Protein backbone atom coordinates (compact mmCIF):
# COMPACT_ATOMS: atom_id res chain seq x y z
CA UNK A 1 0.00 0.00 0.00
CA UNK A 2 1.15 3.55 -0.73
CA UNK A 3 0.18 6.56 1.39
CA UNK A 4 -0.48 9.87 -0.40
CA UNK A 5 -1.41 13.00 1.51
CA UNK A 6 -4.04 15.15 -0.22
CA UNK A 7 -3.31 18.77 0.67
CA UNK A 8 -1.36 21.88 -0.27
CA UNK A 9 -0.70 22.85 3.34
CA UNK A 10 3.09 22.77 3.63
CA UNK A 11 3.01 22.35 7.42
CA UNK A 12 0.71 19.30 7.09
CA UNK A 13 2.98 17.83 4.43
CA UNK A 14 6.14 18.39 6.51
CA UNK A 15 4.46 16.85 9.56
CA UNK A 16 3.23 13.77 7.69
CA UNK A 17 6.57 13.37 5.89
CA UNK A 18 8.36 13.40 9.25
CA UNK A 19 6.49 10.22 10.18
CA UNK A 20 8.25 8.42 7.31
CA UNK A 21 5.07 7.03 5.80
CA UNK A 22 4.29 9.50 2.99
CA UNK A 23 4.90 8.10 -0.49
CA UNK A 24 3.56 11.10 -2.41
CA UNK A 25 1.27 14.11 -2.49
CA UNK A 26 -1.91 14.80 -4.39
CA UNK A 27 -2.91 18.41 -4.67
CA UNK A 28 -4.77 20.66 -7.06
CA UNK A 29 -5.17 24.34 -7.95
CA UNK A 30 -8.12 24.76 -5.56
CA UNK A 31 -6.14 23.44 -2.58
CA UNK A 32 -3.16 25.58 -3.54
CA UNK A 33 -5.37 28.68 -3.91
CA UNK A 34 -6.55 28.21 -0.32
CA UNK A 35 -2.95 28.69 0.83
CA UNK A 36 -2.88 32.17 -0.69
CA UNK A 37 0.43 31.34 -2.36
CA UNK A 38 1.63 31.02 -5.93
CA UNK A 39 0.94 27.65 -7.61
CA UNK A 40 4.52 27.13 -8.79
CA UNK A 41 6.15 27.97 -5.45
CA UNK A 42 3.86 25.60 -3.55
CA UNK A 43 4.48 22.72 -5.95
CA UNK A 44 8.24 23.32 -5.87
CA UNK A 45 8.24 23.38 -2.06
CA UNK A 46 6.23 20.16 -1.91
CA UNK A 47 8.82 18.55 -4.21
CA UNK A 48 11.58 19.57 -1.80
CA UNK A 49 9.80 17.85 1.09
CA UNK A 50 8.53 14.60 -0.46
CA UNK A 51 10.63 12.40 -2.72
CA UNK A 52 7.78 10.66 -4.47
CA UNK A 53 5.03 11.31 -6.98
CA UNK A 54 3.50 14.77 -6.74
CA UNK A 55 0.15 15.16 -8.46
CA UNK A 56 -0.38 18.78 -9.55
CA UNK A 57 -3.47 19.28 -11.68
CA UNK A 58 -4.26 21.60 -14.57
CA UNK A 59 -6.94 24.27 -14.52
CA UNK A 60 -7.70 24.19 -18.25
CA UNK A 61 -10.63 22.03 -19.34
CA UNK A 62 -10.18 21.89 -23.10
CA UNK A 63 -7.56 19.48 -24.43
CA UNK A 64 -5.92 22.02 -26.75
CA UNK A 65 -5.06 24.16 -23.70
CA UNK A 66 -4.80 21.42 -21.08
CA UNK A 67 -2.00 19.49 -22.78
CA UNK A 68 0.43 22.45 -23.03
CA UNK A 69 -0.43 23.44 -19.44
CA UNK A 70 0.23 19.89 -18.22
CA UNK A 71 3.57 19.80 -20.01
CA UNK A 72 4.64 23.03 -18.30
CA UNK A 73 3.58 21.72 -14.89
CA UNK A 74 5.46 18.45 -15.50
CA UNK A 75 8.65 20.44 -16.19
CA UNK A 76 8.64 21.80 -12.62
CA UNK A 77 10.26 18.68 -11.18
CA UNK A 78 10.87 15.05 -12.25
CA UNK A 79 8.45 13.85 -9.53
CA UNK A 80 5.50 15.90 -10.80
CA UNK A 81 2.94 13.66 -12.46
PDB file of N, CA and C in Angstrom:
ATOM      1  N   UNK A   1       0.842  -1.159   0.000  1.00  0.00           N
ATOM      2  CA  UNK A   1       0.000   0.000   0.000  1.00  0.00           C
ATOM      3  C   UNK A   1       0.894   1.231   0.000  1.00  0.00           C
ATOM      4  N   UNK A   2       0.440   2.269  -0.690  1.00  0.00           N
ATOM      5  CA  UNK A   2       1.146   3.550  -0.729  1.00  0.00           C
ATOM      6  C   UNK A   2       0.264   4.590  -0.052  1.00  0.00           C
ATOM      7  N   UNK A   3       0.901   5.512   0.672  1.00  0.00           N
ATOM      8  CA  UNK A   3       0.185   6.562   1.388  1.00  0.00           C
ATOM      9  C   UNK A   3       0.478   7.907   0.725  1.00  0.00           C
ATOM     10  N   UNK A   4      -0.575   8.545   0.205  1.00  0.00           N
ATOM     11  CA  UNK A   4      -0.477   9.869  -0.401  1.00  0.00           C
ATOM     12  C   UNK A   4      -1.290  10.843   0.444  1.00  0.00           C
ATOM     13  N   UNK A   5      -0.690  11.975   0.777  1.00  0.00           N
ATOM     14  CA  UNK A   5      -1.410  12.997   1.514  1.00  0.00           C
ATOM     15  C   UNK A   5      -2.040  13.943   0.492  1.00  0.00           C
ATOM     16  N   UNK A   6      -3.291  14.314   0.710  1.00  0.00           N
ATOM     17  CA  UNK A   6      -4.038  15.148  -0.224  1.00  0.00           C
ATOM     18  C   UNK A   6      -4.229  16.530   0.388  1.00  0.00           C
ATOM     19  N   UNK A   7      -3.277  17.424   0.107  1.00  0.00           N
ATOM     20  CA  UNK A   7      -3.310  18.768   0.668  1.00  0.00           C
ATOM     21  C   UNK A   7      -2.315  19.652  -0.075  1.00  0.00           C
ATOM     22  N   UNK A   8      -2.377  20.939   0.193  1.00  0.00           N
ATOM     23  CA  UNK A   8      -1.358  21.885  -0.274  1.00  0.00           C
ATOM     24  C   UNK A   8      -0.769  22.619   0.918  1.00  0.00           C
ATOM     25  N   UNK A   9      -1.180  22.219   2.106  1.00  0.00           N
ATOM     26  CA  UNK A   9      -0.696  22.855   3.337  1.00  0.00           C
ATOM     27  C   UNK A   9       0.705  22.316   3.639  1.00  0.00           C
ATOM     28  N   UNK A  10       1.694  23.178   3.470  1.00  0.00           N
ATOM     29  CA  UNK A  10       3.090  22.770   3.630  1.00  0.00           C
ATOM     30  C   UNK A  10       3.371  22.227   5.028  1.00  0.00           C
ATOM     31  N   UNK A  11       2.795  22.840   6.056  1.00  0.00           N
ATOM     32  CA  UNK A  11       3.013  22.347   7.420  1.00  0.00           C
ATOM     33  C   UNK A  11       2.462  20.933   7.588  1.00  0.00           C
ATOM     34  N   UNK A  12       1.281  20.660   7.020  1.00  0.00           N
ATOM     35  CA  UNK A  12       0.713  19.303   7.086  1.00  0.00           C
ATOM     36  C   UNK A  12       1.611  18.308   6.361  1.00  0.00           C
ATOM     37  N   UNK A  13       2.126  18.724   5.214  1.00  0.00           N
ATOM     38  CA  UNK A  13       2.981  17.832   4.425  1.00  0.00           C
ATOM     39  C   UNK A  13       4.279  17.546   5.179  1.00  0.00           C
ATOM     40  N   UNK A  14       4.900  18.581   5.743  1.00  0.00           N
ATOM     41  CA  UNK A  14       6.138  18.389   6.515  1.00  0.00           C
ATOM     42  C   UNK A  14       5.897  17.448   7.702  1.00  0.00           C
ATOM     43  N   UNK A  15       4.779  17.676   8.401  1.00  0.00           N
ATOM     44  CA  UNK A  15       4.461  16.850   9.558  1.00  0.00           C
ATOM     45  C   UNK A  15       4.287  15.391   9.150  1.00  0.00           C
ATOM     46  N   UNK A  16       3.472  15.151   8.138  1.00  0.00           N
ATOM     47  CA  UNK A  16       3.228  13.770   7.693  1.00  0.00           C
ATOM     48  C   UNK A  16       4.508  13.138   7.154  1.00  0.00           C
ATOM     49  N   UNK A  17       5.309  13.909   6.428  1.00  0.00           N
ATOM     50  CA  UNK A  17       6.566  13.374   5.887  1.00  0.00           C
ATOM     51  C   UNK A  17       7.526  12.991   7.010  1.00  0.00           C
ATOM     52  N   UNK A  18       7.472  13.711   8.120  1.00  0.00           N
ATOM     53  CA  UNK A  18       8.361  13.402   9.246  1.00  0.00           C
ATOM     54  C   UNK A  18       8.052  12.043   9.866  1.00  0.00           C
ATOM     55  N   UNK A  19       6.854  11.532   9.647  1.00  0.00           N
ATOM     56  CA  UNK A  19       6.485  10.222  10.177  1.00  0.00           C
ATOM     57  C   UNK A  19       7.124   9.092   9.374  1.00  0.00           C
ATOM     58  N   UNK A  20       7.611   9.420   8.161  1.00  0.00           N
ATOM     59  CA  UNK A  20       8.255   8.425   7.315  1.00  0.00           C
ATOM     60  C   UNK A  20       7.310   7.508   6.570  1.00  0.00           C
ATOM     61  N   UNK A  21       6.044   7.905   6.456  1.00  0.00           N
ATOM     62  CA  UNK A  21       5.072   7.032   5.796  1.00  0.00           C
ATOM     63  C   UNK A  21       4.486   7.618   4.511  1.00  0.00           C
ATOM     64  N   UNK A  22       4.866   8.848   4.161  1.00  0.00           N
ATOM     65  CA  UNK A  22       4.286   9.504   2.991  1.00  0.00           C
ATOM     66  C   UNK A  22       5.046   9.084   1.738  1.00  0.00           C
ATOM     67  N   UNK A  23       4.307   8.506   0.784  1.00  0.00           N
ATOM     68  CA  UNK A  23       4.897   8.100  -0.487  1.00  0.00           C
ATOM     69  C   UNK A  23       4.775   9.179  -1.551  1.00  0.00           C
ATOM     70  N   UNK A  24       3.781  10.052  -1.419  1.00  0.00           N
ATOM     71  CA  UNK A  24       3.559  11.097  -2.410  1.00  0.00           C
ATOM     72  C   UNK A  24       2.501  12.070  -1.944  1.00  0.00           C
ATOM     73  N   UNK A  25       2.242  13.063  -2.804  1.00  0.00           N
ATOM     74  CA  UNK A  25       1.269  14.109  -2.488  1.00  0.00           C
ATOM     75  C   UNK A  25       0.332  14.294  -3.675  1.00  0.00           C
ATOM     76  N   UNK A  26      -0.941  14.384  -3.383  1.00  0.00           N
ATOM     77  CA  UNK A  26      -1.906  14.799  -4.394  1.00  0.00           C
ATOM     78  C   UNK A  26      -2.415  16.170  -3.976  1.00  0.00           C
ATOM     79  N   UNK A  27      -2.418  17.067  -4.932  1.00  0.00           N
ATOM     80  CA  UNK A  27      -2.912  18.406  -4.669  1.00  0.00           C
ATOM     81  C   UNK A  27      -3.562  18.921  -5.934  1.00  0.00           C
ATOM     82  N   UNK A  28      -4.130  20.085  -5.878  1.00  0.00           N
ATOM     83  CA  UNK A  28      -4.770  20.660  -7.055  1.00  0.00           C
ATOM     84  C   UNK A  28      -4.817  22.178  -6.920  1.00  0.00           C
ATOM     85  N   UNK A  29      -5.145  22.880  -7.995  1.00  0.00           N
ATOM     86  CA  UNK A  29      -5.168  24.339  -7.952  1.00  0.00           C
ATOM     87  C   UNK A  29      -6.101  24.914  -6.883  1.00  0.00           C
ATOM     88  N   UNK A  30      -7.199  24.254  -6.592  1.00  0.00           N
ATOM     89  CA  UNK A  30      -8.118  24.757  -5.557  1.00  0.00           C
ATOM     90  C   UNK A  30      -7.473  24.690  -4.175  1.00  0.00           C
ATOM     91  N   UNK A  31      -6.822  23.576  -3.872  1.00  0.00           N
ATOM     92  CA  UNK A  31      -6.142  23.439  -2.581  1.00  0.00           C
ATOM     93  C   UNK A  31      -4.995  24.446  -2.472  1.00  0.00           C
ATOM     94  N   UNK A  32      -4.264  24.626  -3.552  1.00  0.00           N
ATOM     95  CA  UNK A  32      -3.161  25.583  -3.537  1.00  0.00           C
ATOM     96  C   UNK A  32      -3.685  27.003  -3.382  1.00  0.00           C
ATOM     97  N   UNK A  33      -4.787  27.339  -4.032  1.00  0.00           N
ATOM     98  CA  UNK A  33      -5.370  28.678  -3.914  1.00  0.00           C
ATOM     99  C   UNK A  33      -5.742  28.991  -2.466  1.00  0.00           C
ATOM    100  N   UNK A  34      -6.172  27.989  -1.727  1.00  0.00           N
ATOM    101  CA  UNK A  34      -6.548  28.207  -0.320  1.00  0.00           C
ATOM    102  C   UNK A  34      -5.352  28.588   0.546  1.00  0.00           C
ATOM    103  N   UNK A  35      -4.129  28.303   0.066  1.00  0.00           N
ATOM    104  CA  UNK A  35      -2.947  28.690   0.828  1.00  0.00           C
ATOM    105  C   UNK A  35      -2.617  30.166   0.651  1.00  0.00           C
ATOM    106  N   UNK A  36      -3.176  30.781  -0.402  1.00  0.00           N
ATOM    107  CA  UNK A  36      -2.878  32.175  -0.693  1.00  0.00           C
ATOM    108  C   UNK A  36      -1.516  32.371  -1.337  1.00  0.00           C
ATOM    109  N   UNK A  37      -0.904  31.291  -1.763  1.00  0.00           N
ATOM    110  CA  UNK A  37       0.432  31.345  -2.360  1.00  0.00           C
ATOM    111  C   UNK A  37       0.381  31.018  -3.839  1.00  0.00           C
ATOM    112  N   UNK A  38       1.474  31.291  -4.509  1.00  0.00           N
ATOM    113  CA  UNK A  38       1.635  31.023  -5.929  1.00  0.00           C
ATOM    114  C   UNK A  38       1.699  29.516  -6.197  1.00  0.00           C
ATOM    115  N   UNK A  39       1.006  29.070  -7.241  1.00  0.00           N
ATOM    116  CA  UNK A  39       0.937  27.653  -7.606  1.00  0.00           C
ATOM    117  C   UNK A  39       2.334  27.044  -7.720  1.00  0.00           C
ATOM    118  N   UNK A  40       3.183  27.666  -8.538  1.00  0.00           N
ATOM    119  CA  UNK A  40       4.522  27.127  -8.789  1.00  0.00           C
ATOM    120  C   UNK A  40       5.345  26.998  -7.504  1.00  0.00           C
ATOM    121  N   UNK A  41       5.330  28.023  -6.667  1.00  0.00           N
ATOM    122  CA  UNK A  41       6.153  27.973  -5.454  1.00  0.00           C
ATOM    123  C   UNK A  41       5.687  26.879  -4.504  1.00  0.00           C
ATOM    124  N   UNK A  42       4.382  26.663  -4.419  1.00  0.00           N
ATOM    125  CA  UNK A  42       3.865  25.601  -3.546  1.00  0.00           C
ATOM    126  C   UNK A  42       4.279  24.229  -4.081  1.00  0.00           C
ATOM    127  N   UNK A  43       4.107  24.014  -5.372  1.00  0.00           N
ATOM    128  CA  UNK A  43       4.479  22.721  -5.953  1.00  0.00           C
ATOM    129  C   UNK A  43       5.977  22.473  -5.784  1.00  0.00           C
ATOM    130  N   UNK A  44       6.795  23.485  -6.027  1.00  0.00           N
ATOM    131  CA  UNK A  44       8.240  23.321  -5.873  1.00  0.00           C
ATOM    132  C   UNK A  44       8.615  23.009  -4.423  1.00  0.00           C
ATOM    133  N   UNK A  45       7.943  23.654  -3.471  1.00  0.00           N
ATOM    134  CA  UNK A  45       8.241  23.377  -2.060  1.00  0.00           C
ATOM    135  C   UNK A  45       7.818  21.969  -1.671  1.00  0.00           C
ATOM    136  N   UNK A  46       6.677  21.526  -2.170  1.00  0.00           N
ATOM    137  CA  UNK A  46       6.230  20.156  -1.908  1.00  0.00           C
ATOM    138  C   UNK A  46       7.280  19.169  -2.433  1.00  0.00           C
ATOM    139  N   UNK A  47       7.816  19.437  -3.614  1.00  0.00           N
ATOM    140  CA  UNK A  47       8.816  18.548  -4.208  1.00  0.00           C
ATOM    141  C   UNK A  47      10.102  18.500  -3.391  1.00  0.00           C
ATOM    142  N   UNK A  48      10.410  19.557  -2.668  1.00  0.00           N
ATOM    143  CA  UNK A  48      11.584  19.568  -1.801  1.00  0.00           C
ATOM    144  C   UNK A  48      11.371  18.708  -0.559  1.00  0.00           C
ATOM    145  N   UNK A  49      10.115  18.570  -0.143  1.00  0.00           N
ATOM    146  CA  UNK A  49       9.801  17.846   1.088  1.00  0.00           C
ATOM    147  C   UNK A  49       9.621  16.353   0.846  1.00  0.00           C
ATOM    148  N   UNK A  50       8.900  16.001  -0.209  1.00  0.00           N
ATOM    149  CA  UNK A  50       8.531  14.599  -0.461  1.00  0.00           C
ATOM    150  C   UNK A  50       9.225  14.096  -1.720  1.00  0.00           C
ATOM    151  N   UNK A  51       9.970  13.012  -1.574  1.00  0.00           N
ATOM    152  CA  UNK A  51      10.634  12.397  -2.719  1.00  0.00           C
ATOM    153  C   UNK A  51       9.770  11.258  -3.228  1.00  0.00           C
ATOM    154  N   UNK A  52       8.723  11.627  -3.913  1.00  0.00           N
ATOM    155  CA  UNK A  52       7.783  10.661  -4.465  1.00  0.00           C
ATOM    156  C   UNK A  52       6.885  11.376  -5.445  1.00  0.00           C
ATOM    157  N   UNK A  53       5.914  10.690  -6.018  1.00  0.00           N
ATOM    158  CA  UNK A  53       5.026  11.309  -6.984  1.00  0.00           C
ATOM    159  C   UNK A  53       4.255  12.488  -6.387  1.00  0.00           C
ATOM    160  N   UNK A  54       4.235  13.582  -7.131  1.00  0.00           N
ATOM    161  CA  UNK A  54       3.498  14.774  -6.737  1.00  0.00           C
ATOM    162  C   UNK A  54       2.478  15.045  -7.829  1.00  0.00           C
ATOM    163  N   UNK A  55       1.219  14.912  -7.503  1.00  0.00           N
ATOM    164  CA  UNK A  55       0.153  15.165  -8.458  1.00  0.00           C
ATOM    165  C   UNK A  55      -0.241  16.636  -8.379  1.00  0.00           C
ATOM    166  N   UNK A  56      -0.027  17.361  -9.475  1.00  0.00           N
ATOM    167  CA  UNK A  56      -0.377  18.780  -9.551  1.00  0.00           C
ATOM    168  C   UNK A  56      -1.249  18.958 -10.786  1.00  0.00           C
ATOM    169  N   UNK A  57      -2.498  19.283 -10.592  1.00  0.00           N
ATOM    170  CA  UNK A  57      -3.465  19.279 -11.680  1.00  0.00           C
ATOM    171  C   UNK A  57      -3.524  20.589 -12.469  1.00  0.00           C
ATOM    172  N   UNK A  58      -4.028  20.454 -13.678  1.00  0.00           N
ATOM    173  CA  UNK A  58      -4.261  21.596 -14.568  1.00  0.00           C
ATOM    174  C   UNK A  58      -5.553  22.313 -14.181  1.00  0.00           C
ATOM    175  N   UNK A  59      -5.676  23.547 -14.682  1.00  0.00           N
ATOM    176  CA  UNK A  59      -6.941  24.265 -14.523  1.00  0.00           C
ATOM    177  C   UNK A  59      -7.720  24.318 -15.833  1.00  0.00           C
ATOM    178  N   UNK A  60      -7.030  24.161 -16.944  1.00  0.00           N
ATOM    179  CA  UNK A  60      -7.695  24.186 -18.248  1.00  0.00           C
ATOM    180  C   UNK A  60      -8.600  22.967 -18.397  1.00  0.00           C
ATOM    181  N   UNK A  61      -9.687  23.137 -19.147  1.00  0.00           N
ATOM    182  CA  UNK A  61     -10.625  22.035 -19.338  1.00  0.00           C
ATOM    183  C   UNK A  61     -10.705  21.541 -20.779  1.00  0.00           C
ATOM    184  N   UNK A  62     -10.169  22.301 -21.696  1.00  0.00           N
ATOM    185  CA  UNK A  62     -10.176  21.892 -23.105  1.00  0.00           C
ATOM    186  C   UNK A  62      -8.796  21.319 -23.450  1.00  0.00           C
ATOM    187  N   UNK A  63      -8.791  20.196 -24.143  1.00  0.00           N
ATOM    188  CA  UNK A  63      -7.561  19.476 -24.430  1.00  0.00           C
ATOM    189  C   UNK A  63      -6.500  20.338 -25.105  1.00  0.00           C
ATOM    190  N   UNK A  64      -6.907  21.209 -26.034  1.00  0.00           N
ATOM    191  CA  UNK A  64      -5.916  22.016 -26.754  1.00  0.00           C
ATOM    192  C   UNK A  64      -5.160  22.979 -25.839  1.00  0.00           C
ATOM    193  N   UNK A  65      -5.733  23.312 -24.688  1.00  0.00           N
ATOM    194  CA  UNK A  65      -5.056  24.163 -23.703  1.00  0.00           C
ATOM    195  C   UNK A  65      -4.516  23.340 -22.529  1.00  0.00           C
ATOM    196  N   UNK A  66      -5.197  22.248 -22.222  1.00  0.00           N
ATOM    197  CA  UNK A  66      -4.798  21.420 -21.085  1.00  0.00           C
ATOM    198  C   UNK A  66      -3.450  20.736 -21.322  1.00  0.00           C
ATOM    199  N   UNK A  67      -3.236  20.230 -22.505  1.00  0.00           N
ATOM    200  CA  UNK A  67      -1.999  19.491 -22.784  1.00  0.00           C
ATOM    201  C   UNK A  67      -0.768  20.383 -22.641  1.00  0.00           C
ATOM    202  N   UNK A  68      -0.742  21.587 -23.247  1.00  0.00           N
ATOM    203  CA  UNK A  68       0.426  22.454 -23.027  1.00  0.00           C
ATOM    204  C   UNK A  68       0.596  22.855 -21.554  1.00  0.00           C
ATOM    205  N   UNK A  69      -0.514  23.092 -20.860  1.00  0.00           N
ATOM    206  CA  UNK A  69      -0.426  23.440 -19.438  1.00  0.00           C
ATOM    207  C   UNK A  69       0.180  22.277 -18.644  1.00  0.00           C
ATOM    208  N   UNK A  70      -0.282  21.073 -18.920  1.00  0.00           N
ATOM    209  CA  UNK A  70       0.229  19.894 -18.218  1.00  0.00           C
ATOM    210  C   UNK A  70       1.712  19.692 -18.481  1.00  0.00           C
ATOM    211  N   UNK A  71       2.142  19.944 -19.686  1.00  0.00           N
ATOM    212  CA  UNK A  71       3.570  19.796 -20.009  1.00  0.00           C
ATOM    213  C   UNK A  71       4.412  20.805 -19.231  1.00  0.00           C
ATOM    214  N   UNK A  72       3.915  22.017 -19.078  1.00  0.00           N
ATOM    215  CA  UNK A  72       4.638  23.032 -18.298  1.00  0.00           C
ATOM    216  C   UNK A  72       4.703  22.648 -16.819  1.00  0.00           C
ATOM    217  N   UNK A  73       3.600  22.160 -16.287  1.00  0.00           N
ATOM    218  CA  UNK A  73       3.576  21.719 -14.886  1.00  0.00           C
ATOM    219  C   UNK A  73       4.547  20.561 -14.679  1.00  0.00           C
ATOM    220  N   UNK A  74       4.579  19.626 -15.614  1.00  0.00           N
ATOM    221  CA  UNK A  74       5.455  18.454 -15.498  1.00  0.00           C
ATOM    222  C   UNK A  74       6.928  18.844 -15.526  1.00  0.00           C
ATOM    223  N   UNK A  75       7.248  19.967 -16.134  1.00  0.00           N
ATOM    224  CA  UNK A  75       8.654  20.438 -16.189  1.00  0.00           C
ATOM    225  C   UNK A  75       9.147  20.970 -14.853  1.00  0.00           C
ATOM    226  N   UNK A  76       8.239  21.217 -13.904  1.00  0.00           N
ATOM    227  CA  UNK A  76       8.641  21.802 -12.622  1.00  0.00           C
ATOM    228  C   UNK A  76       9.617  20.921 -11.855  1.00  0.00           C
ATOM    229  N   UNK A  77       9.421  19.608 -11.952  1.00  0.00           N
ATOM    230  CA  UNK A  77      10.264  18.677 -11.177  1.00  0.00           C
ATOM    231  C   UNK A  77      10.032  17.268 -11.747  1.00  0.00           C
ATOM    232  N   UNK A  78      11.042  16.418 -11.729  1.00  0.00           N
ATOM    233  CA  UNK A  78      10.871  15.053 -12.249  1.00  0.00           C
ATOM    234  C   UNK A  78       9.786  14.249 -11.519  1.00  0.00           C
ATOM    235  N   UNK A  79       9.457  14.608 -10.285  1.00  0.00           N
ATOM    236  CA  UNK A  79       8.450  13.847  -9.528  1.00  0.00           C
ATOM    237  C   UNK A  79       7.016  14.305  -9.796  1.00  0.00           C
ATOM    238  N   UNK A  80       6.846  15.413 -10.521  1.00  0.00           N
ATOM    239  CA  UNK A  80       5.498  15.902 -10.803  1.00  0.00           C
ATOM    240  C   UNK A  80       4.864  15.017 -11.866  1.00  0.00           C
ATOM    241  N   UNK A  81       3.675  14.529 -11.527  1.00  0.00           N
ATOM    242  CA  UNK A  81       2.937  13.664 -12.463  1.00  0.00           C
ATOM    243  C   UNK A  81       1.609  14.289 -12.811  1.00  0.00           C
TER     244      UNK A  81
END
